């Protein structure tokens, strides 16, 4: 079987973005408003789209939540702080539940 790392992580030196990559997918969180990566999440299926031309973030791709969780845990361990909030937009159901609790 294969041996080695489960995922590789990176953080931009200017804290403009974070990345988690496996052999199957790459997940990027950008906060730099760059022309290459808009603010928010980007997800690429490296098996089906090795040139990373189709952003699958927000489309319920099986890798998105897994890589997002891995990235948050890595960042929390690296910085010794609470993991960042998932940057996706809450669903209508989540918004309604939050509103019922007195938020927003």
Protein backbone atom coordinates (compact mmCIF):
# COMPACT_ATOMS: atom_id res chain seq x y z
CA UNK A 1 0.00 0.00 0.00
CA UNK A 2 0.89 3.64 -0.16
CA UNK A 3 2.76 5.27 2.67
CA UNK A 4 3.35 8.89 3.47
CA UNK A 5 1.36 11.91 4.43
CA UNK A 6 -2.40 12.01 4.33
CA UNK A 7 -2.39 15.70 3.43
CA UNK A 8 -0.01 18.60 2.82
CA UNK A 9 -0.75 22.04 4.26
CA UNK A 10 0.46 25.55 3.45
CA UNK A 11 -0.12 29.06 4.72
CA UNK A 12 0.70 32.17 2.70
CA UNK A 13 3.44 34.22 4.37
CA UNK A 14 1.22 37.30 4.33
CA UNK A 15 -1.65 35.27 5.79
CA UNK A 16 -3.60 35.79 2.57
CA UNK A 17 -4.53 32.15 2.23
CA UNK A 18 -4.37 28.57 3.42
CA UNK A 19 -4.27 25.29 1.52
CA UNK A 20 -4.78 21.59 2.21
CA UNK A 21 -3.92 19.09 -0.51
CA UNK A 22 -4.26 15.35 -0.84
CA UNK A 23 -3.57 13.16 -3.85
CA UNK A 24 -7.24 13.54 -4.79
CA UNK A 25 -8.12 17.17 -4.08
CA UNK A 26 -6.88 20.66 -3.21
CA UNK A 27 -8.80 23.00 -0.87
CA UNK A 28 -7.84 26.67 -0.65
CA UNK A 29 -9.11 29.42 1.64
CA UNK A 30 -8.20 32.84 0.31
CA UNK A 31 -8.46 36.10 2.19
CA UNK A 32 -6.26 38.17 -0.06
CA UNK A 33 -8.70 39.25 -2.74
CA UNK A 34 -6.18 38.29 -5.39
CA UNK A 35 -6.95 38.02 -9.07
CA UNK A 36 -6.08 34.32 -8.95
CA UNK A 37 -8.20 33.26 -5.99
CA UNK A 38 -11.30 35.16 -4.95
CA UNK A 39 -11.98 35.54 -1.23
CA UNK A 40 -13.44 32.37 0.21
CA UNK A 41 -13.03 28.70 -0.58
CA UNK A 42 -11.81 26.96 -3.71
CA UNK A 43 -11.86 23.19 -4.20
CA UNK A 44 -10.34 21.25 -7.07
CA UNK A 45 -10.74 17.55 -7.84
CA UNK A 46 -7.17 16.79 -8.89
CA UNK A 47 -8.07 13.42 -10.41
CA UNK A 48 -10.81 14.75 -12.71
CA UNK A 49 -9.38 18.27 -13.15
CA UNK A 50 -5.58 18.23 -12.76
CA UNK A 51 -5.27 21.72 -14.26
CA UNK A 52 -7.56 23.12 -11.54
CA UNK A 53 -9.98 24.87 -13.88
CA UNK A 54 -13.29 23.99 -12.15
CA UNK A 55 -13.87 25.31 -8.63
CA UNK A 56 -16.14 22.82 -6.84
CA UNK A 57 -16.42 24.71 -3.54
CA UNK A 58 -19.96 24.95 -2.24
CA UNK A 59 -21.21 22.10 -4.45
CA UNK A 60 -21.23 19.38 -1.76
CA UNK A 61 -18.20 17.60 -3.19
CA UNK A 62 -17.21 14.77 -0.81
CA UNK A 63 -13.70 16.19 -0.30
CA UNK A 64 -14.75 19.69 0.75
CA UNK A 65 -15.83 19.06 4.34
CA UNK A 66 -13.03 16.57 4.95
CA UNK A 67 -10.32 18.95 3.71
CA UNK A 68 -11.92 21.92 5.46
CA UNK A 69 -11.87 20.00 8.74
CA UNK A 70 -8.27 18.88 8.23
CA UNK A 71 -7.22 22.45 7.45
CA UNK A 72 -8.98 23.87 10.52
CA UNK A 73 -7.36 21.27 12.78
CA UNK A 74 -3.93 21.90 11.26
CA UNK A 75 -4.30 25.65 11.68
CA UNK A 76 -5.52 25.31 15.27
CA UNK A 77 -2.51 23.13 16.12
CA UNK A 78 -0.13 25.46 14.30
CA UNK A 79 -1.42 28.64 15.88
CA UNK A 80 -2.56 27.17 19.17
CA UNK A 81 -5.96 28.85 18.84
CA UNK A 82 -9.50 27.87 18.00
CA UNK A 83 -10.05 26.66 14.47
CA UNK A 84 -11.45 29.22 12.01
CA UNK A 85 -15.10 29.15 11.06
CA UNK A 86 -16.03 27.43 7.82
CA UNK A 87 -16.29 30.29 5.29
CA UNK A 88 -19.26 28.90 3.37
CA UNK A 89 -22.55 30.78 3.31
CA UNK A 90 -25.08 29.26 5.74
CA UNK A 91 -28.03 27.44 4.18
CA UNK A 92 -31.53 28.93 4.45
CA UNK A 93 -32.30 26.35 7.15
CA UNK A 94 -29.20 27.32 9.13
CA UNK A 95 -30.07 31.02 8.78
CA UNK A 96 -33.59 30.35 10.06
CA UNK A 97 -32.24 28.37 13.03
CA UNK A 98 -29.77 31.15 13.86
CA UNK A 99 -32.50 33.78 13.58
CA UNK A 100 -34.72 31.73 15.91
CA UNK A 101 -31.87 31.80 18.42
CA UNK A 102 -31.69 35.59 18.21
CA UNK A 103 -28.77 35.96 15.79
CA UNK A 104 -28.94 38.25 12.77
